[in-house]
Amino acid sequence: MAPILLHLFAASLYAGLGFVLLRAAASARTGICAPGWVRWAVLAPLAVHAWLLKELVFGTGGMALGLGVVVSTVAWLSVLIYWSGSFFHRLDGLQTLVIPVTSFAALVPMMVPPPRLLENAFMPGFRFHLAASMLAYSLFTIASLHAMLMALQEKHLRGGNPPPLLRGLPPLLTMETVLFRIIAAGFALLTLSLASGMLFSEQVFGKPLQFTHKTVFGILSWLIFGGLLLGRRLRGWRGRVALRWTLAGFFALVLAYIGSRFVLEVILRR
């Protein structure tokens, strides 16, 4: 199957599931009641998407990476993490939002310049750094979506008549607990990502660590999320304060890599 067909096939599978979930949300009276088969059906687009990413990254014999692949991979990991978490928490409302977004993300590699082959890509240090970075991005993507849903949930709870999509979410206190668990896991992975980048910079990239745009915003994001976790522990931060810090940290993280790669690959064509 040609790569373009894989893109379209994966996007179509996600879109179909997203339609089922959105329809269930629109017709529910007390919250989302997605058909039981949806939990297992999501494995089909996940498998096709995984094969697509494998072809994009390793299809040329080396290891290629670019903005489109990163965005698509982060979206794939987000769905996988949500699917895994659905066995422990009620996450129907969250999956209803993330699956349609991933349908678009599966098409993003077609819209940007093709990925470039990476040098020293098979070094263990680089692989560790890449895996930690991707997982951190995915968890903080989920955390930002989670935070925005919590803000909407709180707003509509005050009004007393939340829409079906929000009625399908867990209670606000449960959402907050899950949010900080996600942030703590993402912070640990971001710490590993930054540390490995510093330790293996010369080995992997051929030069000592430099304070580039990516490094500065990565450290800024680490400081924001670290400050949020510290504020939560020492001062009991929650609610809107936690949501603002979460979105600020995610914005800095987006600027650290995706923003810089967008400028270089899409605007400057480097």
C-alpha atoms as a PDB file:
ATOM      1  CA  MET A   1       0.000   0.000   0.000  1.00  0.00           C
ATOM      2  CA  ALA A   2       1.363   3.406  -1.015  1.00  0.00           C
ATOM      3  CA  PRO A   3       2.190   5.811   1.861  1.00  0.00           C
ATOM      4  CA  ILE A   4      -0.528   8.280   0.801  1.00  0.00           C
ATOM      5  CA  LEU A   5      -3.128   5.525   1.117  1.00  0.00           C
ATOM      6  CA  LEU A   6      -1.834   4.679   4.584  1.00  0.00           C
ATOM      7  CA  HIS A   7      -2.284   8.313   5.597  1.00  0.00           C
ATOM      8  CA  LEU A   8      -5.834   8.386   4.279  1.00  0.00           C
ATOM      9  CA  PHE A   9      -6.716   4.956   5.687  1.00  0.00           C
ATOM     10  CA  ALA A  10      -5.484   5.816   9.199  1.00  0.00           C
ATOM     11  CA  ALA A  11      -7.219   9.203   9.120  1.00  0.00           C
ATOM     12  CA  SER A  12     -10.467   7.609   7.923  1.00  0.00           C
ATOM     13  CA  LEU A  13     -10.442   5.008  10.700  1.00  0.00           C
ATOM     14  CA  TYR A  14      -9.881   7.685  13.343  1.00  0.00           C
ATOM     15  CA  ALA A  15     -12.567   9.891  11.775  1.00  0.00           C
ATOM     16  CA  GLY A  16     -15.067   7.026  11.793  1.00  0.00           C
ATOM     17  CA  LEU A  17     -14.480   6.330  15.475  1.00  0.00           C
ATOM     18  CA  GLY A  18     -14.596  10.028  16.242  1.00  0.00           C
ATOM     19  CA  PHE A  19     -17.973  10.274  14.507  1.00  0.00           C
ATOM     20  CA  VAL A  20     -19.324   7.369  16.589  1.00  0.00           C
ATOM     21  CA  LEU A  21     -18.099   8.971  19.823  1.00  0.00           C
ATOM     22  CA  LEU A  22     -19.403  12.446  18.954  1.00  0.00           C
ATOM     23  CA  ARG A  23     -22.770  11.010  17.962  1.00  0.00           C
ATOM     24  CA  ALA A  24     -22.958   9.094  21.248  1.00  0.00           C
ATOM     25  CA  ALA A  25     -22.102  12.308  23.115  1.00  0.00           C
ATOM     26  CA  ALA A  26     -24.770  14.296  21.273  1.00  0.00           C
ATOM     27  CA  SER A  27     -27.507  11.750  21.932  1.00  0.00           C
ATOM     28  CA  ALA A  28     -26.668  10.953  25.566  1.00  0.00           C
ATOM     29  CA  ARG A  29     -28.748  12.471  28.340  1.00  0.00           C
ATOM     30  CA  THR A  30     -26.534  11.738  31.324  1.00  0.00           C
ATOM     31  CA  GLY A  31     -23.146  11.636  29.658  1.00  0.00           C
ATOM     32  CA  ILE A  32     -21.295   9.769  26.950  1.00  0.00           C
ATOM     33  CA  CYS A  33     -22.303   6.148  26.486  1.00  0.00           C
ATOM     34  CA  ALA A  34     -20.032   4.967  23.689  1.00  0.00           C
ATOM     35  CA  PRO A  35     -20.616   1.426  22.420  1.00  0.00           C
ATOM     36  CA  GLY A  36     -18.473  -1.125  24.232  1.00  0.00           C
ATOM     37  CA  TRP A  37     -16.774  -2.219  21.018  1.00  0.00           C
ATOM     38  CA  VAL A  38     -15.217   1.252  20.538  1.00  0.00           C
ATOM     39  CA  ARG A  39     -12.582   0.548  23.218  1.00  0.00           C
ATOM     40  CA  TRP A  40     -11.212  -2.331  21.152  1.00  0.00           C
ATOM     41  CA  ALA A  41     -11.967  -0.851  17.737  1.00  0.00           C
ATOM     42  CA  VAL A  42      -9.483   1.952  18.430  1.00  0.00           C
ATOM     43  CA  LEU A  43      -6.715  -0.645  18.118  1.00  0.00           C
ATOM     44  CA  ALA A  44      -7.326  -0.770  14.348  1.00  0.00           C
ATOM     45  CA  PRO A  45      -6.408   2.878  13.589  1.00  0.00           C
ATOM     46  CA  LEU A  46      -3.622   2.685  16.171  1.00  0.00           C
ATOM     47  CA  ALA A  47      -2.103  -0.305  14.340  1.00  0.00           C
ATOM     48  CA  VAL A  48      -2.412   1.306  10.891  1.00  0.00           C
ATOM     49  CA  HIS A  49      -1.011   4.582  12.236  1.00  0.00           C
ATOM     50  CA  ALA A  50       1.908   2.723  13.845  1.00  0.00           C
ATOM     51  CA  TRP A  51       2.721   1.057  10.523  1.00  0.00           C
ATOM     52  CA  LEU A  52       2.546   4.438   8.790  1.00  0.00           C
ATOM     53  CA  LEU A  53       4.972   5.973  11.292  1.00  0.00           C
ATOM     54  CA  LYS A  54       7.330   3.012  10.873  1.00  0.00           C
ATOM     55  CA  GLU A  55       7.359   3.568   7.105  1.00  0.00           C
ATOM     56  CA  LEU A  56       7.957   7.299   7.503  1.00  0.00           C
ATOM     57  CA  VAL A  57      10.788   6.929  10.013  1.00  0.00           C
ATOM     58  CA  PHE A  58      12.538   3.731   8.868  1.00  0.00           C
ATOM     59  CA  GLY A  59      11.257   3.263   5.308  1.00  0.00           C
ATOM     60  CA  THR A  60      14.390   4.732   3.718  1.00  0.00           C
ATOM     61  CA  GLY A  61      16.794   2.346   5.447  1.00  0.00           C
ATOM     62  CA  GLY A  62      17.993   4.930   7.936  1.00  0.00           C
ATOM     63  CA  MET A  63      16.054   6.955  10.485  1.00  0.00           C
ATOM     64  CA  ALA A  64      14.177  10.042   9.298  1.00  0.00           C
ATOM     65  CA  LEU A  65      12.487  12.652  11.439  1.00  0.00           C
ATOM     66  CA  GLY A  66      10.716  15.925  10.813  1.00  0.00           C
ATOM     67  CA  LEU A  67       7.914  18.171  11.996  1.00  0.00           C
ATOM     68  CA  GLY A  68       5.139  16.093  10.437  1.00  0.00           C
ATOM     69  CA  VAL A  69       6.423  12.837  11.898  1.00  0.00           C
ATOM     70  CA  VAL A  70       6.791  14.385  15.360  1.00  0.00           C
ATOM     71  CA  VAL A  71       3.239  15.801  15.353  1.00  0.00           C
ATOM     72  CA  SER A  72       1.804  12.513  14.079  1.00  0.00           C
ATOM     73  CA  THR A  73       3.783  10.448  16.595  1.00  0.00           C
ATOM     74  CA  VAL A  74       2.759  12.621  19.539  1.00  0.00           C
ATOM     75  CA  ALA A  75      -0.898  12.283  18.505  1.00  0.00           C
ATOM     76  CA  TRP A  76      -0.538   8.490  18.156  1.00  0.00           C
ATOM     77  CA  LEU A  77       1.057   8.214  21.592  1.00  0.00           C
ATOM     78  CA  SER A  78      -1.690  10.395  23.065  1.00  0.00           C
ATOM     79  CA  VAL A  79      -4.405   8.033  21.802  1.00  0.00           C
ATOM     80  CA  LEU A  80      -2.419   5.031  23.032  1.00  0.00           C
ATOM     81  CA  ILE A  81      -2.014   6.571  26.500  1.00  0.00           C
ATOM     82  CA  TYR A  82      -5.707   7.461  26.677  1.00  0.00           C
ATOM     83  CA  TRP A  83      -6.667   3.959  25.567  1.00  0.00           C
ATOM     84  CA  SER A  84      -4.464   2.440  28.270  1.00  0.00           C
ATOM     85  CA  GLY A  85      -5.824   4.849  30.878  1.00  0.00           C
ATOM     86  CA  SER A  86      -9.429   3.999  29.991  1.00  0.00           C
ATOM     87  CA  PHE A  87      -9.020   0.699  31.842  1.00  0.00           C
ATOM     88  CA  PHE A  88      -8.435   2.631  35.087  1.00  0.00           C
ATOM     89  CA  HIS A  89     -10.484   5.829  34.672  1.00  0.00           C
ATOM     90  CA  ARG A  90     -13.601   6.870  32.793  1.00  0.00           C
ATOM     91  CA  LEU A  91     -12.116   8.768  29.861  1.00  0.00           C
ATOM     92  CA  ASP A  92     -14.834   8.610  27.213  1.00  0.00           C
ATOM     93  CA  GLY A  93     -15.146  12.383  27.042  1.00  0.00           C
ATOM     94  CA  LEU A  94     -11.391  12.834  26.636  1.00  0.00           C
ATOM     95  CA  GLN A  95     -11.129  10.233  23.869  1.00  0.00           C
ATOM     96  CA  THR A  96     -14.038  11.910  22.067  1.00  0.00           C
ATOM     97  CA  LEU A  97     -11.824  14.972  21.619  1.00  0.00           C
ATOM     98  CA  VAL A  98      -8.399  13.439  21.054  1.00  0.00           C
ATOM     99  CA  ILE A  99      -9.415  10.880  18.401  1.00  0.00           C
ATOM    100  CA  PRO A 100     -10.770  13.426  15.865  1.00  0.00           C
ATOM    101  CA  VAL A 101      -7.643  15.551  16.401  1.00  0.00           C
ATOM    102  CA  THR A 102      -5.475  12.501  15.693  1.00  0.00           C
ATOM    103  CA  SER A 103      -7.403  11.936  12.461  1.00  0.00           C
ATOM    104  CA  PHE A 104      -5.996  15.261  11.250  1.00  0.00           C
ATOM    105  CA  ALA A 105      -2.546  14.558  12.729  1.00  0.00           C
ATOM    106  CA  ALA A 106      -2.281  11.381  10.630  1.00  0.00           C
ATOM    107  CA  LEU A 107      -2.416  13.626   7.544  1.00  0.00           C
ATOM    108  CA  VAL A 108       0.074  16.262   8.737  1.00  0.00           C
ATOM    109  CA  PRO A 109       3.196  14.492   7.314  1.00  0.00           C
ATOM    110  CA  MET A 110       1.634  14.897   3.848  1.00  0.00           C
ATOM    111  CA  MET A 111       1.321  18.666   4.317  1.00  0.00           C
ATOM    112  CA  VAL A 112       4.898  19.517   5.309  1.00  0.00           C
ATOM    113  CA  PRO A 113       8.312  18.803   3.756  1.00  0.00           C
ATOM    114  CA  PRO A 114       9.394  15.137   4.015  1.00  0.00           C
ATOM    115  CA  PRO A 115      11.475  14.071   7.022  1.00  0.00           C
ATOM    116  CA  ARG A 116      15.263  14.135   6.780  1.00  0.00           C
ATOM    117  CA  LEU A 117      17.659  11.314   7.539  1.00  0.00           C
ATOM    118  CA  LEU A 118      19.343  11.742  10.902  1.00  0.00           C
ATOM    119  CA  GLU A 119      23.018  11.178  11.564  1.00  0.00           C
ATOM    120  CA  ASN A 120      24.017   8.951  14.482  1.00  0.00           C
ATOM    121  CA  ALA A 121      20.347   8.024  14.847  1.00  0.00           C
ATOM    122  CA  PHE A 122      21.054   4.494  15.994  1.00  0.00           C
ATOM    123  CA  MET A 123      23.235   5.495  18.946  1.00  0.00           C
ATOM    124  CA  PRO A 124      21.676   4.331  22.244  1.00  0.00           C
ATOM    125  CA  GLY A 125      21.993   7.819  23.742  1.00  0.00           C
ATOM    126  CA  PHE A 126      20.048   9.401  20.897  1.00  0.00           C
ATOM    127  CA  ARG A 127      17.348   6.734  21.001  1.00  0.00           C
ATOM    128  CA  PHE A 128      16.899   7.244  24.725  1.00  0.00           C
ATOM    129  CA  HIS A 129      16.723  11.024  24.273  1.00  0.00           C
ATOM    130  CA  LEU A 130      14.212  10.704  21.433  1.00  0.00           C
ATOM    131  CA  ALA A 131      11.955   8.253  23.289  1.00  0.00           C
ATOM    132  CA  ALA A 132      11.908  10.392  26.450  1.00  0.00           C
ATOM    133  CA  SER A 133      11.182  13.530  24.413  1.00  0.00           C
ATOM    134  CA  MET A 134       8.315  11.989  22.458  1.00  0.00           C
ATOM    135  CA  LEU A 135       6.669  10.558  25.563  1.00  0.00           C
ATOM    136  CA  ALA A 136       7.063  13.862  27.417  1.00  0.00           C
ATOM    137  CA  TYR A 137       5.465  15.764  24.524  1.00  0.00           C
ATOM    138  CA  SER A 138       2.578  13.277  24.420  1.00  0.00           C
ATOM    139  CA  LEU A 139       1.890  13.472  28.142  1.00  0.00           C
ATOM    140  CA  PHE A 140       1.996  17.261  28.183  1.00  0.00           C
ATOM    141  CA  THR A 141      -0.273  17.372  25.110  1.00  0.00           C
ATOM    142  CA  ILE A 142      -2.752  15.271  27.073  1.00  0.00           C
ATOM    143  CA  ALA A 143      -2.258  17.484  30.139  1.00  0.00           C
ATOM    144  CA  SER A 144      -3.047  20.631  28.147  1.00  0.00           C
ATOM    145  CA  LEU A 145      -6.224  19.104  26.670  1.00  0.00           C
ATOM    146  CA  HIS A 146      -7.109  17.871  30.144  1.00  0.00           C
ATOM    147  CA  ALA A 147      -6.613  21.353  31.597  1.00  0.00           C
ATOM    148  CA  MET A 148      -8.803  23.004  28.952  1.00  0.00           C
ATOM    149  CA  LEU A 149     -11.565  20.446  29.540  1.00  0.00           C
ATOM    150  CA  MET A 150     -11.354  21.097  33.271  1.00  0.00           C
ATOM    151  CA  ALA A 151     -11.749  24.835  32.649  1.00  0.00           C
ATOM    152  CA  LEU A 152     -14.870  24.194  30.549  1.00  0.00           C
ATOM    153  CA  GLN A 153     -16.159  21.692  33.088  1.00  0.00           C
ATOM    154  CA  GLU A 154     -15.791  24.187  35.934  1.00  0.00           C
ATOM    155  CA  LYS A 155     -17.455  26.957  33.925  1.00  0.00           C
ATOM    156  CA  HIS A 156     -20.479  24.847  32.989  1.00  0.00           C
ATOM    157  CA  LEU A 157     -20.828  23.342  36.455  1.00  0.00           C
ATOM    158  CA  ARG A 158     -21.400  26.853  37.770  1.00  0.00           C
ATOM    159  CA  GLY A 159     -24.100  27.318  35.145  1.00  0.00           C
ATOM    160  CA  GLY A 160     -25.717  24.042  36.185  1.00  0.00           C
ATOM    161  CA  ASN A 161     -26.346  22.656  32.697  1.00  0.00           C
ATOM    162  CA  PRO A 162     -23.176  21.200  31.152  1.00  0.00           C
ATOM    163  CA  PRO A 163     -23.392  19.760  27.606  1.00  0.00           C
ATOM    164  CA  PRO A 164     -23.387  15.941  27.195  1.00  0.00           C
ATOM    165  CA  LEU A 165     -19.683  15.872  26.330  1.00  0.00           C
ATOM    166  CA  LEU A 166     -18.769  17.395  29.681  1.00  0.00           C
ATOM    167  CA  ARG A 167     -21.302  15.302  31.580  1.00  0.00           C
ATOM    168  CA  GLY A 168     -19.405  12.247  30.382  1.00  0.00           C
ATOM    169  CA  LEU A 169     -16.217  13.373  32.103  1.00  0.00           C
ATOM    170  CA  PRO A 170     -15.121  12.165  35.546  1.00  0.00           C
ATOM    171  CA  PRO A 171     -15.816  14.468  38.546  1.00  0.00           C
ATOM    172  CA  LEU A 172     -13.696  17.619  38.654  1.00  0.00           C
ATOM    173  CA  LEU A 173     -11.637  16.417  41.641  1.00  0.00           C
ATOM    174  CA  THR A 174     -10.859  13.163  39.832  1.00  0.00           C
ATOM    175  CA  MET A 175      -9.908  15.116  36.721  1.00  0.00           C
ATOM    176  CA  GLU A 176      -7.552  17.247  38.812  1.00  0.00           C
ATOM    177  CA  THR A 177      -5.924  14.181  40.387  1.00  0.00           C
ATOM    178  CA  VAL A 178      -5.409  12.617  36.950  1.00  0.00           C
ATOM    179  CA  LEU A 179      -4.025  15.923  35.617  1.00  0.00           C
ATOM    180  CA  PHE A 180      -1.282  16.111  38.234  1.00  0.00           C
ATOM    181  CA  ARG A 181      -0.384  12.451  37.731  1.00  0.00           C
ATOM    182  CA  ILE A 182       0.048  13.136  34.022  1.00  0.00           C
ATOM    183  CA  ILE A 183       2.116  16.259  34.718  1.00  0.00           C
ATOM    184  CA  ALA A 184       4.334  14.421  37.214  1.00  0.00           C
ATOM    185  CA  ALA A 185       5.013  11.619  34.707  1.00  0.00           C
ATOM    186  CA  GLY A 186       5.633  14.139  31.919  1.00  0.00           C
ATOM    187  CA  PHE A 187       7.967  16.170  34.136  1.00  0.00           C
ATOM    188  CA  ALA A 188      10.026  13.058  34.924  1.00  0.00           C
ATOM    189  CA  LEU A 189      10.327  12.260  31.209  1.00  0.00           C
ATOM    190  CA  LEU A 190      11.132  15.871  30.322  1.00  0.00           C
ATOM    191  CA  THR A 191      13.886  15.803  32.967  1.00  0.00           C
ATOM    192  CA  LEU A 192      15.322  12.667  31.353  1.00  0.00           C
ATOM    193  CA  SER A 193      15.037  14.268  27.916  1.00  0.00           C
ATOM    194  CA  LEU A 194      16.920  17.421  28.922  1.00  0.00           C
ATOM    195  CA  ALA A 195      19.525  15.497  30.919  1.00  0.00           C
ATOM    196  CA  SER A 196      20.201  13.037  28.085  1.00  0.00           C
ATOM    197  CA  GLY A 197      20.404  15.903  25.595  1.00  0.00           C
ATOM    198  CA  MET A 198      23.057  17.559  27.753  1.00  0.00           C
ATOM    199  CA  LEU A 199      24.994  14.350  28.435  1.00  0.00           C
ATOM    200  CA  PHE A 200      24.988  12.997  24.885  1.00  0.00           C
ATOM    201  CA  SER A 201      25.025  16.280  22.960  1.00  0.00           C
ATOM    202  CA  GLU A 202      28.586  15.966  21.689  1.00  0.00           C
ATOM    203  CA  GLN A 203      28.289  12.243  21.020  1.00  0.00           C
ATOM    204  CA  VAL A 204      24.991  12.504  19.121  1.00  0.00           C
ATOM    205  CA  PHE A 205      25.032  15.968  17.566  1.00  0.00           C
ATOM    206  CA  GLY A 206      28.788  16.327  17.171  1.00  0.00           C
ATOM    207  CA  LYS A 207      29.090  19.489  19.267  1.00  0.00           C
ATOM    208  CA  PRO A 208      28.833  20.507  22.936  1.00  0.00           C
ATOM    209  CA  LEU A 209      25.520  21.665  24.324  1.00  0.00           C
ATOM    210  CA  GLN A 210      24.526  25.097  23.040  1.00  0.00           C
ATOM    211  CA  PHE A 211      21.794  27.334  24.375  1.00  0.00           C
ATOM    212  CA  THR A 212      19.693  27.399  21.246  1.00  0.00           C
ATOM    213  CA  HIS A 213      16.027  28.355  20.907  1.00  0.00           C
ATOM    214  CA  LYS A 214      15.084  24.714  21.521  1.00  0.00           C
ATOM    215  CA  THR A 215      17.217  24.366  24.653  1.00  0.00           C
ATOM    216  CA  VAL A 216      16.080  27.651  26.217  1.00  0.00           C
ATOM    217  CA  PHE A 217      12.361  26.951  25.785  1.00  0.00           C
ATOM    218  CA  GLY A 218      12.822  23.345  26.866  1.00  0.00           C
ATOM    219  CA  ILE A 219      14.425  24.484  30.130  1.00  0.00           C
ATOM    220  CA  LEU A 220      11.753  27.173  30.559  1.00  0.00           C
ATOM    221  CA  SER A 221       9.039  24.523  30.209  1.00  0.00           C
ATOM    222  CA  TRP A 222      10.836  22.306  32.740  1.00  0.00           C
ATOM    223  CA  LEU A 223      10.975  25.227  35.217  1.00  0.00           C
ATOM    224  CA  ILE A 224       7.263  25.997  34.745  1.00  0.00           C
ATOM    225  CA  PHE A 225       6.124  22.414  35.285  1.00  0.00           C
ATOM    226  CA  GLY A 226       8.563  21.961  38.163  1.00  0.00           C
ATOM    227  CA  GLY A 227       7.241  25.139  39.765  1.00  0.00           C
ATOM    228  CA  LEU A 228       3.665  23.910  39.324  1.00  0.00           C
ATOM    229  CA  LEU A 229       4.393  20.579  41.013  1.00  0.00           C
ATOM    230  CA  LEU A 230       6.252  22.346  43.821  1.00  0.00           C
ATOM    231  CA  GLY A 231       3.407  24.830  44.283  1.00  0.00           C
ATOM    232  CA  ARG A 232       0.924  21.972  44.376  1.00  0.00           C
ATOM    233  CA  ARG A 233       2.912  20.193  47.075  1.00  0.00           C
ATOM    234  CA  LEU A 234       3.790  23.188  49.247  1.00  0.00           C
ATOM    235  CA  ARG A 235       0.852  25.523  48.736  1.00  0.00           C
ATOM    236  CA  GLY A 236      -1.905  23.266  47.450  1.00  0.00           C
ATOM    237  CA  TRP A 237      -2.223  24.971  44.050  1.00  0.00           C
ATOM    238  CA  ARG A 238      -5.255  23.843  42.112  1.00  0.00           C
ATOM    239  CA  GLY A 239      -8.052  25.141  39.944  1.00  0.00           C
ATOM    240  CA  ARG A 240      -7.357  28.059  37.637  1.00  0.00           C
ATOM    241  CA  VAL A 241      -3.811  28.579  38.926  1.00  0.00           C
ATOM    242  CA  ALA A 242      -2.889  25.003  37.984  1.00  0.00           C
ATOM    243  CA  LEU A 243      -4.610  25.327  34.598  1.00  0.00           C
ATOM    244  CA  ARG A 244      -2.732  28.538  33.718  1.00  0.00           C
ATOM    245  CA  TRP A 245       0.628  27.033  34.672  1.00  0.00           C
ATOM    246  CA  THR A 246      -0.136  23.869  32.706  1.00  0.00           C
ATOM    247  CA  LEU A 247      -0.987  25.757  29.522  1.00  0.00           C
ATOM    248  CA  ALA A 248       2.013  28.087  29.924  1.00  0.00           C
ATOM    249  CA  GLY A 249       4.378  25.123  30.295  1.00  0.00           C
ATOM    250  CA  PHE A 250       2.887  23.379  27.262  1.00  0.00           C
ATOM    251  CA  PHE A 251       3.154  26.549  25.166  1.00  0.00           C
ATOM    252  CA  ALA A 252       6.845  26.845  26.042  1.00  0.00           C
ATOM    253  CA  LEU A 253       7.350  23.180  25.145  1.00  0.00           C
ATOM    254  CA  VAL A 254       5.647  23.642  21.779  1.00  0.00           C
ATOM    255  CA  LEU A 255       7.940  26.587  21.044  1.00  0.00           C
ATOM    256  CA  ALA A 256      10.948  24.486  22.060  1.00  0.00           C
ATOM    257  CA  TYR A 257      10.688  21.994  19.203  1.00  0.00           C
ATOM    258  CA  ILE A 258       7.550  22.176  17.080  1.00  0.00           C
ATOM    259  CA  GLY A 259       7.733  25.945  16.764  1.00  0.00           C
ATOM    260  CA  SER A 260      11.389  25.944  15.749  1.00  0.00           C
ATOM    261  CA  ARG A 261      10.935  23.017  13.334  1.00  0.00           C
ATOM    262  CA  PHE A 262       7.937  24.752  11.725  1.00  0.00           C
ATOM    263  CA  VAL A 263      10.013  27.836  11.012  1.00  0.00           C
ATOM    264  CA  LEU A 264      12.982  25.841   9.704  1.00  0.00           C
ATOM    265  CA  GLU A 265      11.140  23.184   7.676  1.00  0.00           C
ATOM    266  CA  VAL A 266       7.968  24.897   6.504  1.00  0.00           C
ATOM    267  CA  ILE A 267       8.910  28.591   6.272  1.00  0.00           C
ATOM    268  CA  LEU A 268      12.668  28.491   5.596  1.00  0.00           C
ATOM    269  CA  ARG A 269      12.645  25.033   3.922  1.00  0.00           C
ATOM    270  CA  ARG A 270      15.838  23.895   5.661  1.00  0.00           C
END
